[in-house]
Amino acid sequence: MSAGLLRRSWCILEKDLRLEWRSREVVYSAAFFALIVALVFAFGVLEQGLRARMASAALWVCLLFAGSNALQRSFEREREGRVLRALLLTGRIGWPLFIAKVASNFLFLSLVLGLAAPLGFVLLGAAVPERPWAFAASLLLGAAAFATVGTLVSAMVGELRLRALLFPVVLFPLMIPIFVLGVSASSAFM
């Protein structure tokens, strides 16, 4: 990677993080959603042993739905002000924009997992994994794959009129193998 590519990516990432820090719109909605998912799994499954075994799946469900909400809005701020077209017309911004959006989405998904994991373990009565670093690595690898594919799909359907409807229809089938591997890997470390 060239220094110019990294510098442009960093500028876009810094802008996205600064805007999110000011509004906290995505973080608040994800935190609320993580709480709802944990409560649904905690009170929806009555058997304590089954709840503990479902903790890994609950984390992945939380990642899927909270992440989908955030990933769908990846390019929303740029699209609203028609900044996206201006950025693309300047040239040499396509890859830095994509890299920055993937990085910001990955950071957001990592934050969602950081909020949801302790909450899920407490509410679902799951034991702390025997190898917590391996468990965290499986979640973070899944979040990285989800951020990459989700950002790409968000960019593809972003200009369409029915993007809110098409985004999950295109994204979810692509994510099935990643989530199946992720749930089985994180369950193995529990």
N, C-alpha and C. Protein backbone atom coordinates (compact mmCIF):
# COMPACT_ATOMS: atom_id res chain seq x y z
N MET A 1 0.85 -1.19 0.00
CA MET A 1 0.00 0.00 0.00
C MET A 1 0.88 1.24 0.00
N SER A 2 0.47 2.20 -0.75
CA SER A 2 1.24 3.43 -0.82
C SER A 2 0.88 4.34 0.36
N ALA A 3 1.78 5.27 0.60
CA ALA A 3 1.56 6.20 1.71
C ALA A 3 0.36 7.11 1.44
N GLY A 4 0.16 7.49 0.18
CA GLY A 4 -0.98 8.34 -0.17
C GLY A 4 -2.30 7.65 0.08
N LEU A 5 -2.36 6.35 -0.26
CA LEU A 5 -3.58 5.57 -0.03
C LEU A 5 -3.90 5.50 1.46
N LEU A 6 -2.88 5.23 2.25
CA LEU A 6 -3.09 5.15 3.70
C LEU A 6 -3.46 6.51 4.29
N ARG A 7 -2.84 7.57 3.79
CA ARG A 7 -3.14 8.90 4.31
C ARG A 7 -4.59 9.29 4.00
N ARG A 8 -5.03 9.04 2.76
CA ARG A 8 -6.41 9.37 2.39
C ARG A 8 -7.40 8.50 3.18
N SER A 9 -7.07 7.23 3.35
CA SER A 9 -7.93 6.34 4.14
C SER A 9 -8.03 6.83 5.58
N TRP A 10 -6.90 7.23 6.14
CA TRP A 10 -6.89 7.70 7.53
C TRP A 10 -7.74 8.97 7.69
N CYS A 11 -7.66 9.88 6.72
CA CYS A 11 -8.47 11.11 6.79
C CYS A 11 -9.96 10.81 6.79
N ILE A 12 -10.37 9.88 5.94
CA ILE A 12 -11.79 9.52 5.88
C ILE A 12 -12.22 8.80 7.16
N LEU A 13 -11.37 7.88 7.64
CA LEU A 13 -11.67 7.17 8.88
C LEU A 13 -11.78 8.13 10.05
N GLU A 14 -10.85 9.07 10.12
CA GLU A 14 -10.87 10.05 11.20
C GLU A 14 -12.15 10.89 11.17
N LYS A 15 -12.58 11.27 9.96
CA LYS A 15 -13.82 12.04 9.81
C LYS A 15 -15.01 11.22 10.28
N ASP A 16 -15.07 9.94 9.87
CA ASP A 16 -16.19 9.09 10.28
C ASP A 16 -16.23 8.90 11.79
N LEU A 17 -15.08 8.68 12.39
CA LEU A 17 -15.03 8.48 13.85
C LEU A 17 -15.40 9.75 14.59
N ARG A 18 -14.96 10.89 14.09
CA ARG A 18 -15.30 12.17 14.73
C ARG A 18 -16.80 12.44 14.65
N LEU A 19 -17.39 12.18 13.49
CA LEU A 19 -18.83 12.39 13.35
C LEU A 19 -19.63 11.44 14.24
N GLU A 20 -19.18 10.19 14.33
CA GLU A 20 -19.88 9.23 15.19
C GLU A 20 -19.71 9.60 16.66
N TRP A 21 -18.55 10.10 17.03
CA TRP A 21 -18.32 10.50 18.41
C TRP A 21 -19.25 11.64 18.80
N ARG A 22 -19.50 12.54 17.86
CA ARG A 22 -20.38 13.67 18.14
C ARG A 22 -21.84 13.25 18.25
N SER A 23 -22.28 12.40 17.35
CA SER A 23 -23.70 12.04 17.34
C SER A 23 -24.00 10.81 18.20
N ARG A 24 -23.09 9.87 18.22
CA ARG A 24 -23.24 8.59 18.94
C ARG A 24 -24.53 7.86 18.52
N GLU A 25 -25.01 8.15 17.35
CA GLU A 25 -26.25 7.58 16.85
C GLU A 25 -26.15 6.07 16.68
N VAL A 26 -25.10 5.61 16.04
CA VAL A 26 -24.94 4.18 15.77
C VAL A 26 -24.60 3.43 17.05
N VAL A 27 -23.78 4.02 17.90
CA VAL A 27 -23.37 3.34 19.14
C VAL A 27 -24.56 3.15 20.07
N TYR A 28 -25.40 4.17 20.21
CA TYR A 28 -26.55 4.04 21.09
C TYR A 28 -27.55 3.00 20.58
N SER A 29 -27.79 3.03 19.29
CA SER A 29 -28.74 2.05 18.75
C SER A 29 -28.20 0.64 18.87
N ALA A 30 -26.90 0.46 18.69
CA ALA A 30 -26.31 -0.87 18.82
C ALA A 30 -26.31 -1.35 20.27
N ALA A 31 -26.01 -0.46 21.19
CA ALA A 31 -26.03 -0.84 22.60
C ALA A 31 -27.43 -1.24 23.03
N PHE A 32 -28.41 -0.48 22.60
CA PHE A 32 -29.79 -0.83 22.92
C PHE A 32 -30.17 -2.17 22.30
N PHE A 33 -29.76 -2.38 21.06
CA PHE A 33 -30.07 -3.63 20.38
C PHE A 33 -29.38 -4.82 21.06
N ALA A 34 -28.13 -4.64 21.49
CA ALA A 34 -27.42 -5.71 22.21
C ALA A 34 -28.16 -6.08 23.49
N LEU A 35 -28.66 -5.08 24.19
CA LEU A 35 -29.43 -5.33 25.40
C LEU A 35 -30.71 -6.10 25.09
N ILE A 36 -31.41 -5.71 24.04
CA ILE A 36 -32.65 -6.39 23.66
C ILE A 36 -32.38 -7.85 23.29
N VAL A 37 -31.34 -8.10 22.50
CA VAL A 37 -31.02 -9.48 22.09
C VAL A 37 -30.68 -10.33 23.32
N ALA A 38 -29.87 -9.78 24.22
CA ALA A 38 -29.51 -10.53 25.42
C ALA A 38 -30.74 -10.82 26.28
N LEU A 39 -31.63 -9.86 26.41
CA LEU A 39 -32.84 -10.08 27.20
C LEU A 39 -33.77 -11.09 26.55
N VAL A 40 -33.89 -11.05 25.23
CA VAL A 40 -34.74 -12.02 24.53
C VAL A 40 -34.21 -13.42 24.74
N PHE A 41 -32.91 -13.61 24.59
CA PHE A 41 -32.33 -14.94 24.80
C PHE A 41 -32.41 -15.35 26.26
N ALA A 42 -32.24 -14.39 27.19
CA ALA A 42 -32.26 -14.72 28.61
C ALA A 42 -33.64 -15.13 29.08
N PHE A 43 -34.66 -14.41 28.64
CA PHE A 43 -36.00 -14.70 29.11
C PHE A 43 -36.78 -15.62 28.18
N GLY A 44 -36.32 -15.77 26.95
CA GLY A 44 -37.01 -16.62 25.99
C GLY A 44 -36.69 -18.10 26.17
N VAL A 45 -35.52 -18.39 26.70
CA VAL A 45 -35.11 -19.77 26.92
C VAL A 45 -35.09 -20.00 28.43
N LEU A 46 -35.92 -20.91 28.89
CA LEU A 46 -36.09 -21.09 30.33
C LEU A 46 -35.03 -21.99 30.95
N GLU A 47 -34.55 -22.96 30.22
CA GLU A 47 -33.58 -23.90 30.78
C GLU A 47 -32.20 -23.25 30.86
N GLN A 48 -31.63 -23.20 32.05
CA GLN A 48 -30.36 -22.53 32.30
C GLN A 48 -29.22 -23.12 31.47
N GLY A 49 -29.14 -24.43 31.37
CA GLY A 49 -28.07 -25.07 30.62
C GLY A 49 -28.13 -24.74 29.14
N LEU A 50 -29.33 -24.68 28.62
CA LEU A 50 -29.51 -24.34 27.21
C LEU A 50 -29.16 -22.88 26.96
N ARG A 51 -29.50 -22.01 27.89
CA ARG A 51 -29.15 -20.60 27.75
C ARG A 51 -27.64 -20.41 27.68
N ALA A 52 -26.92 -21.12 28.54
CA ALA A 52 -25.47 -21.00 28.55
C ALA A 52 -24.86 -21.49 27.24
N ARG A 53 -25.45 -22.55 26.68
CA ARG A 53 -24.92 -23.08 25.41
C ARG A 53 -25.26 -22.16 24.24
N MET A 54 -26.29 -21.35 24.40
CA MET A 54 -26.71 -20.46 23.33
C MET A 54 -26.01 -19.10 23.38
N ALA A 55 -25.13 -18.89 24.33
CA ALA A 55 -24.48 -17.58 24.48
C ALA A 55 -23.70 -17.19 23.24
N SER A 56 -22.99 -18.13 22.66
CA SER A 56 -22.21 -17.84 21.46
C SER A 56 -23.12 -17.46 20.30
N ALA A 57 -24.18 -18.21 20.11
CA ALA A 57 -25.13 -17.90 19.03
C ALA A 57 -25.80 -16.55 19.26
N ALA A 58 -26.08 -16.22 20.51
CA ALA A 58 -26.70 -14.92 20.81
C ALA A 58 -25.78 -13.78 20.43
N LEU A 59 -24.48 -13.95 20.66
CA LEU A 59 -23.53 -12.91 20.26
C LEU A 59 -23.51 -12.71 18.75
N TRP A 60 -23.57 -13.81 18.03
CA TRP A 60 -23.56 -13.71 16.57
C TRP A 60 -24.86 -13.13 16.04
N VAL A 61 -25.98 -13.43 16.68
CA VAL A 61 -27.25 -12.83 16.28
C VAL A 61 -27.20 -11.32 16.52
N CYS A 62 -26.65 -10.95 17.64
CA CYS A 62 -26.51 -9.52 17.96
C CYS A 62 -25.61 -8.84 16.92
N LEU A 63 -24.51 -9.48 16.57
CA LEU A 63 -23.60 -8.94 15.57
C LEU A 63 -24.29 -8.80 14.22
N LEU A 64 -25.08 -9.80 13.86
CA LEU A 64 -25.75 -9.79 12.56
C LEU A 64 -26.74 -8.64 12.45
N PHE A 65 -27.61 -8.51 13.43
CA PHE A 65 -28.67 -7.51 13.30
C PHE A 65 -28.20 -6.10 13.65
N ALA A 66 -27.43 -5.94 14.69
CA ALA A 66 -26.92 -4.60 15.00
C ALA A 66 -25.94 -4.14 13.93
N GLY A 67 -25.14 -5.08 13.46
CA GLY A 67 -24.19 -4.73 12.40
C GLY A 67 -24.87 -4.41 11.09
N SER A 68 -25.93 -5.12 10.76
CA SER A 68 -26.65 -4.84 9.52
C SER A 68 -27.22 -3.43 9.53
N ASN A 69 -27.72 -3.03 10.66
CA ASN A 69 -28.26 -1.69 10.79
C ASN A 69 -27.17 -0.64 10.55
N ALA A 70 -26.01 -0.85 11.11
CA ALA A 70 -24.92 0.11 10.96
C ALA A 70 -24.30 0.05 9.57
N LEU A 71 -24.10 -1.15 9.05
CA LEU A 71 -23.48 -1.30 7.74
C LEU A 71 -24.35 -0.71 6.64
N GLN A 72 -25.63 -0.82 6.80
CA GLN A 72 -26.55 -0.28 5.81
C GLN A 72 -26.41 1.23 5.70
N ARG A 73 -26.03 1.86 6.79
CA ARG A 73 -25.90 3.32 6.80
C ARG A 73 -24.46 3.78 6.61
N SER A 74 -23.58 2.91 6.12
CA SER A 74 -22.17 3.26 5.97
C SER A 74 -21.95 4.51 5.14
N PHE A 75 -22.61 4.59 4.03
CA PHE A 75 -22.39 5.69 3.10
C PHE A 75 -23.51 6.73 3.16
N GLU A 76 -24.34 6.65 4.19
CA GLU A 76 -25.52 7.52 4.27
C GLU A 76 -25.15 9.00 4.39
N ARG A 77 -24.18 9.33 5.23
CA ARG A 77 -23.81 10.74 5.41
C ARG A 77 -23.25 11.33 4.13
N GLU A 78 -22.44 10.57 3.45
CA GLU A 78 -21.87 11.05 2.18
C GLU A 78 -22.96 11.18 1.11
N ARG A 79 -23.92 10.25 1.13
CA ARG A 79 -24.97 10.27 0.13
C ARG A 79 -25.93 11.43 0.37
N GLU A 80 -26.22 11.75 1.62
CA GLU A 80 -27.17 12.82 1.92
C GLU A 80 -26.68 14.17 1.40
N GLY A 81 -25.43 14.47 1.60
CA GLY A 81 -24.90 15.75 1.16
C GLY A 81 -24.34 15.72 -0.24
N ARG A 82 -24.56 14.64 -0.95
CA ARG A 82 -24.03 14.43 -2.30
C ARG A 82 -22.51 14.54 -2.32
N VAL A 83 -21.90 14.21 -1.20
CA VAL A 83 -20.45 14.24 -1.09
C VAL A 83 -19.84 13.02 -1.76
N LEU A 84 -20.56 11.92 -1.78
CA LEU A 84 -20.03 10.68 -2.35
C LEU A 84 -19.70 10.87 -3.83
N ARG A 85 -20.57 11.48 -4.57
CA ARG A 85 -20.29 11.72 -6.00
C ARG A 85 -19.10 12.65 -6.16
N ALA A 86 -19.03 13.67 -5.34
CA ALA A 86 -17.91 14.60 -5.43
C ALA A 86 -16.60 13.90 -5.11
N LEU A 87 -16.62 13.04 -4.10
CA LEU A 87 -15.41 12.29 -3.75
C LEU A 87 -14.98 11.38 -4.89
N LEU A 88 -15.93 10.69 -5.47
CA LEU A 88 -15.59 9.77 -6.56
C LEU A 88 -15.14 10.51 -7.81
N LEU A 89 -15.62 11.72 -8.03
CA LEU A 89 -15.20 12.50 -9.19
C LEU A 89 -13.77 13.02 -9.05
N THR A 90 -13.29 13.15 -7.82
CA THR A 90 -11.92 13.64 -7.63
C THR A 90 -10.89 12.62 -8.10
N GLY A 91 -11.28 11.37 -8.15
CA GLY A 91 -10.35 10.33 -8.60
C GLY A 91 -9.46 9.85 -7.47
N ARG A 92 -9.01 8.65 -7.61
CA ARG A 92 -8.10 8.00 -6.66
C ARG A 92 -8.62 7.99 -5.23
N ILE A 93 -9.93 8.02 -5.07
CA ILE A 93 -10.50 8.00 -3.71
C ILE A 93 -11.32 6.74 -3.46
N GLY A 94 -11.56 5.93 -4.49
CA GLY A 94 -12.39 4.74 -4.34
C GLY A 94 -11.85 3.77 -3.30
N TRP A 95 -10.59 3.37 -3.47
CA TRP A 95 -10.01 2.43 -2.51
C TRP A 95 -9.84 3.03 -1.12
N PRO A 96 -9.32 4.26 -0.99
CA PRO A 96 -9.24 4.82 0.37
C PRO A 96 -10.60 4.92 1.06
N LEU A 97 -11.63 5.26 0.29
CA LEU A 97 -12.98 5.34 0.86
C LEU A 97 -13.44 3.98 1.35
N PHE A 98 -13.23 2.96 0.53
CA PHE A 98 -13.64 1.61 0.92
C PHE A 98 -12.86 1.13 2.14
N ILE A 99 -11.56 1.33 2.15
CA ILE A 99 -10.71 0.90 3.28
C ILE A 99 -11.13 1.60 4.56
N ALA A 100 -11.40 2.90 4.47
CA ALA A 100 -11.80 3.66 5.66
C ALA A 100 -13.16 3.21 6.17
N LYS A 101 -14.08 2.95 5.26
CA LYS A 101 -15.41 2.49 5.68
C LYS A 101 -15.34 1.10 6.30
N VAL A 102 -14.52 0.21 5.74
CA VAL A 102 -14.36 -1.12 6.34
C VAL A 102 -13.76 -0.99 7.74
N ALA A 103 -12.75 -0.13 7.88
CA ALA A 103 -12.11 0.05 9.18
C ALA A 103 -13.08 0.62 10.21
N SER A 104 -13.86 1.63 9.81
CA SER A 104 -14.80 2.21 10.78
C SER A 104 -15.91 1.22 11.12
N ASN A 105 -16.37 0.45 10.14
CA ASN A 105 -17.39 -0.56 10.43
C ASN A 105 -16.83 -1.67 11.32
N PHE A 106 -15.58 -2.05 11.10
CA PHE A 106 -14.96 -3.06 11.95
C PHE A 106 -14.84 -2.55 13.39
N LEU A 107 -14.44 -1.31 13.55
CA LEU A 107 -14.34 -0.75 14.91
C LEU A 107 -15.71 -0.70 15.58
N PHE A 108 -16.72 -0.34 14.82
CA PHE A 108 -18.07 -0.31 15.37
C PHE A 108 -18.53 -1.71 15.78
N LEU A 109 -18.31 -2.70 14.89
CA LEU A 109 -18.73 -4.07 15.21
C LEU A 109 -17.96 -4.62 16.40
N SER A 110 -16.69 -4.25 16.51
CA SER A 110 -15.91 -4.67 17.68
C SER A 110 -16.47 -4.06 18.95
N LEU A 111 -16.91 -2.82 18.87
CA LEU A 111 -17.54 -2.17 20.02
C LEU A 111 -18.84 -2.86 20.40
N VAL A 112 -19.63 -3.23 19.39
CA VAL A 112 -20.88 -3.96 19.65
C VAL A 112 -20.57 -5.27 20.37
N LEU A 113 -19.58 -5.99 19.89
CA LEU A 113 -19.21 -7.26 20.54
C LEU A 113 -18.66 -7.02 21.94
N GLY A 114 -17.91 -5.94 22.11
CA GLY A 114 -17.40 -5.61 23.44
C GLY A 114 -18.50 -5.29 24.43
N LEU A 115 -19.59 -4.72 23.95
CA LEU A 115 -20.74 -4.45 24.83
C LEU A 115 -21.61 -5.68 25.03
N ALA A 116 -21.79 -6.44 23.95
CA ALA A 116 -22.72 -7.57 24.01
C ALA A 116 -22.14 -8.78 24.74
N ALA A 117 -20.85 -9.02 24.62
CA ALA A 117 -20.27 -10.23 25.22
C ALA A 117 -20.43 -10.26 26.74
N PRO A 118 -19.97 -9.26 27.48
CA PRO A 118 -20.17 -9.33 28.94
C PRO A 118 -21.64 -9.36 29.34
N LEU A 119 -22.44 -8.57 28.65
CA LEU A 119 -23.87 -8.55 28.94
C LEU A 119 -24.50 -9.92 28.69
N GLY A 120 -24.12 -10.53 27.57
CA GLY A 120 -24.64 -11.86 27.25
C GLY A 120 -24.21 -12.91 28.24
N PHE A 121 -22.94 -12.86 28.66
CA PHE A 121 -22.45 -13.84 29.62
C PHE A 121 -23.17 -13.72 30.96
N VAL A 122 -23.43 -12.49 31.38
CA VAL A 122 -24.10 -12.29 32.66
C VAL A 122 -25.57 -12.72 32.58
N LEU A 123 -26.28 -12.23 31.57
CA LEU A 123 -27.71 -12.52 31.48
C LEU A 123 -28.01 -13.97 31.11
N LEU A 124 -27.12 -14.59 30.34
CA LEU A 124 -27.37 -15.97 29.92
C LEU A 124 -26.74 -16.99 30.86
N GLY A 125 -25.98 -16.53 31.82
CA GLY A 125 -25.37 -17.43 32.79
C GLY A 125 -24.30 -18.32 32.20
N ALA A 126 -23.61 -17.84 31.19
CA ALA A 126 -22.55 -18.63 30.55
C ALA A 126 -21.24 -18.42 31.30
N ALA A 127 -20.44 -19.46 31.31
CA ALA A 127 -19.13 -19.37 31.94
C ALA A 127 -18.17 -18.62 31.01
N VAL A 128 -17.17 -18.02 31.60
CA VAL A 128 -16.14 -17.35 30.81
C VAL A 128 -15.41 -18.43 30.01
N PRO A 129 -15.15 -18.20 28.71
CA PRO A 129 -14.49 -19.23 27.89
C PRO A 129 -13.15 -19.64 28.47
N GLU A 130 -12.80 -20.92 28.25
CA GLU A 130 -11.53 -21.44 28.75
C GLU A 130 -10.35 -20.72 28.11
N ARG A 131 -10.48 -20.44 26.82
CA ARG A 131 -9.45 -19.69 26.10
C ARG A 131 -10.07 -18.38 25.60
N PRO A 132 -10.09 -17.37 26.45
CA PRO A 132 -10.78 -16.14 26.07
C PRO A 132 -10.17 -15.44 24.86
N TRP A 133 -8.85 -15.55 24.68
CA TRP A 133 -8.23 -14.88 23.53
C TRP A 133 -8.65 -15.56 22.22
N ALA A 134 -8.74 -16.87 22.23
CA ALA A 134 -9.18 -17.58 21.03
C ALA A 134 -10.65 -17.27 20.74
N PHE A 135 -11.45 -17.20 21.79
CA PHE A 135 -12.86 -16.84 21.63
C PHE A 135 -12.99 -15.44 21.05
N ALA A 136 -12.25 -14.49 21.60
CA ALA A 136 -12.29 -13.11 21.10
C ALA A 136 -11.77 -13.03 19.67
N ALA A 137 -10.75 -13.80 19.36
CA ALA A 137 -10.20 -13.79 18.00
C ALA A 137 -11.23 -14.32 17.00
N SER A 138 -11.99 -15.34 17.38
CA SER A 138 -13.01 -15.87 16.46
C SER A 138 -14.09 -14.83 16.22
N LEU A 139 -14.47 -14.10 17.27
CA LEU A 139 -15.47 -13.04 17.10
C LEU A 139 -14.94 -11.88 16.26
N LEU A 140 -13.69 -11.50 16.49
CA LEU A 140 -13.13 -10.37 15.75
C LEU A 140 -12.87 -10.72 14.29
N LEU A 141 -12.48 -11.96 14.01
CA LEU A 141 -12.33 -12.37 12.61
C LEU A 141 -13.67 -12.36 11.89
N GLY A 142 -14.71 -12.82 12.57
CA GLY A 142 -16.05 -12.76 12.00
C GLY A 142 -16.50 -11.33 11.78
N ALA A 143 -16.18 -10.44 12.73
CA ALA A 143 -16.53 -9.03 12.57
C ALA A 143 -15.79 -8.40 11.41
N ALA A 144 -14.53 -8.78 11.22
CA ALA A 144 -13.75 -8.25 10.08
C ALA A 144 -14.34 -8.72 8.76
N ALA A 145 -14.71 -9.98 8.67
CA ALA A 145 -15.32 -10.49 7.44
C ALA A 145 -16.67 -9.83 7.20
N PHE A 146 -17.45 -9.68 8.25
CA PHE A 146 -18.76 -9.05 8.14
C PHE A 146 -18.63 -7.59 7.71
N ALA A 147 -17.67 -6.88 8.29
CA ALA A 147 -17.46 -5.47 7.92
C ALA A 147 -17.05 -5.34 6.46
N THR A 148 -16.19 -6.23 6.00
CA THR A 148 -15.72 -6.15 4.62
C THR A 148 -16.84 -6.43 3.63
N VAL A 149 -17.53 -7.54 3.81
CA VAL A 149 -18.62 -7.91 2.90
C VAL A 149 -19.77 -6.91 3.02
N GLY A 150 -20.12 -6.52 4.23
CA GLY A 150 -21.22 -5.59 4.44
C GLY A 150 -20.96 -4.22 3.85
N THR A 151 -19.73 -3.74 3.94
CA THR A 151 -19.39 -2.45 3.35
C THR A 151 -19.47 -2.52 1.83
N LEU A 152 -19.02 -3.62 1.27
CA LEU A 152 -19.10 -3.80 -0.18
C LEU A 152 -20.56 -3.82 -0.65
N VAL A 153 -21.39 -4.57 0.05
CA VAL A 153 -22.81 -4.65 -0.32
C VAL A 153 -23.48 -3.29 -0.13
N SER A 154 -23.13 -2.59 0.93
CA SER A 154 -23.69 -1.26 1.17
C SER A 154 -23.33 -0.30 0.05
N ALA A 155 -22.11 -0.38 -0.43
CA ALA A 155 -21.69 0.47 -1.54
C ALA A 155 -22.41 0.08 -2.83
N MET A 156 -22.66 -1.21 -3.00
CA MET A 156 -23.31 -1.68 -4.24
C MET A 156 -24.78 -1.26 -4.31
N VAL A 157 -25.50 -1.39 -3.22
CA VAL A 157 -26.94 -1.10 -3.24
C VAL A 157 -27.25 0.31 -2.78
N GLY A 158 -26.23 1.09 -2.46
CA GLY A 158 -26.43 2.41 -1.87
C GLY A 158 -27.18 3.41 -2.71
N GLU A 159 -27.04 3.34 -4.01
CA GLU A 159 -27.70 4.30 -4.87
C GLU A 159 -29.07 3.83 -5.35
N LEU A 160 -29.47 2.65 -4.98
CA LEU A 160 -30.76 2.12 -5.43
C LEU A 160 -31.90 2.68 -4.60
N ARG A 161 -33.06 2.72 -5.19
CA ARG A 161 -34.22 3.27 -4.50
C ARG A 161 -34.67 2.37 -3.35
N LEU A 162 -34.62 1.08 -3.51
CA LEU A 162 -35.07 0.13 -2.48
C LEU A 162 -33.89 -0.44 -1.69
N ARG A 163 -32.90 0.39 -1.38
CA ARG A 163 -31.69 -0.11 -0.73
C ARG A 163 -31.96 -0.72 0.64
N ALA A 164 -32.91 -0.18 1.39
CA ALA A 164 -33.22 -0.74 2.71
C ALA A 164 -33.77 -2.16 2.60
N LEU A 165 -34.45 -2.45 1.52
CA LEU A 165 -35.00 -3.78 1.31
C LEU A 165 -33.96 -4.71 0.69
N LEU A 166 -33.18 -4.20 -0.24
CA LEU A 166 -32.21 -5.04 -0.96
C LEU A 166 -30.97 -5.37 -0.13
N PHE A 167 -30.58 -4.49 0.78
CA PHE A 167 -29.36 -4.73 1.54
C PHE A 167 -29.36 -6.07 2.27
N PRO A 168 -30.36 -6.38 3.10
CA PRO A 168 -30.33 -7.69 3.77
C PRO A 168 -30.53 -8.85 2.80
N VAL A 169 -31.28 -8.64 1.73
CA VAL A 169 -31.52 -9.71 0.77
C VAL A 169 -30.22 -10.12 0.09
N VAL A 170 -29.35 -9.17 -0.18
CA VAL A 170 -28.06 -9.48 -0.81
C VAL A 170 -27.04 -9.92 0.24
N LEU A 171 -27.02 -9.27 1.40
CA LEU A 171 -25.98 -9.52 2.40
C LEU A 171 -26.13 -10.86 3.11
N PHE A 172 -27.31 -11.20 3.57
CA PHE A 172 -27.48 -12.38 4.42
C PHE A 172 -27.05 -13.69 3.75
N PRO A 173 -27.40 -13.93 2.48
CA PRO A 173 -26.90 -15.18 1.87
C PRO A 173 -25.38 -15.22 1.77
N LEU A 174 -24.75 -14.07 1.56
CA LEU A 174 -23.29 -14.04 1.49
C LEU A 174 -22.65 -14.31 2.85
N MET A 175 -23.35 -13.97 3.92
CA MET A 175 -22.79 -14.10 5.27
C MET A 175 -23.06 -15.45 5.91
N ILE A 176 -23.91 -16.28 5.33
CA ILE A 176 -24.24 -17.57 5.94
C ILE A 176 -22.99 -18.41 6.23
N PRO A 177 -22.07 -18.60 5.27
CA PRO A 177 -20.89 -19.43 5.60
C PRO A 177 -20.03 -18.83 6.69
N ILE A 178 -19.89 -17.52 6.70
CA ILE A 178 -19.06 -16.87 7.72
C ILE A 178 -19.69 -17.02 9.09
N PHE A 179 -21.00 -16.87 9.19
CA PHE A 179 -21.65 -16.99 10.48
C PHE A 179 -21.72 -18.43 10.97
N VAL A 180 -21.88 -19.37 10.05
CA VAL A 180 -21.87 -20.78 10.46
C VAL A 180 -20.49 -21.14 11.03
N LEU A 181 -19.44 -20.75 10.34
CA LEU A 181 -18.08 -21.00 10.84
C LEU A 181 -17.83 -20.25 12.15
N GLY A 182 -18.31 -19.01 12.23
CA GLY A 182 -18.09 -18.22 13.43
C GLY A 182 -18.78 -18.78 14.65
N VAL A 183 -20.02 -19.20 14.50
CA VAL A 183 -20.75 -19.76 15.64
C VAL A 183 -20.10 -21.07 16.09
N SER A 184 -19.73 -21.91 15.13
CA SER A 184 -19.12 -23.19 15.53
C SER A 184 -17.74 -22.96 16.15
N ALA A 185 -16.96 -22.00 15.63
CA ALA A 185 -15.64 -21.74 16.23
C ALA A 185 -15.75 -21.15 17.62
N SER A 186 -16.61 -20.15 17.80
CA SER A 186 -16.73 -19.56 19.13
C SER A 186 -17.39 -20.50 20.11
N SER A 187 -18.28 -21.37 19.65
CA SER A 187 -18.88 -22.37 20.55
C SER A 187 -17.84 -23.39 20.98
N ALA A 188 -16.91 -23.71 20.10
CA ALA A 188 -15.86 -24.67 20.46
C ALA A 188 -14.95 -24.11 21.55
N PHE A 189 -14.78 -22.80 21.60
CA PHE A 189 -13.91 -22.20 22.61
C PHE A 189 -14.63 -21.95 23.92
N MET A 190 -15.96 -22.14 23.96
CA MET A 190 -16.70 -21.87 25.19
C MET A 190 -16.57 -23.04 26.13
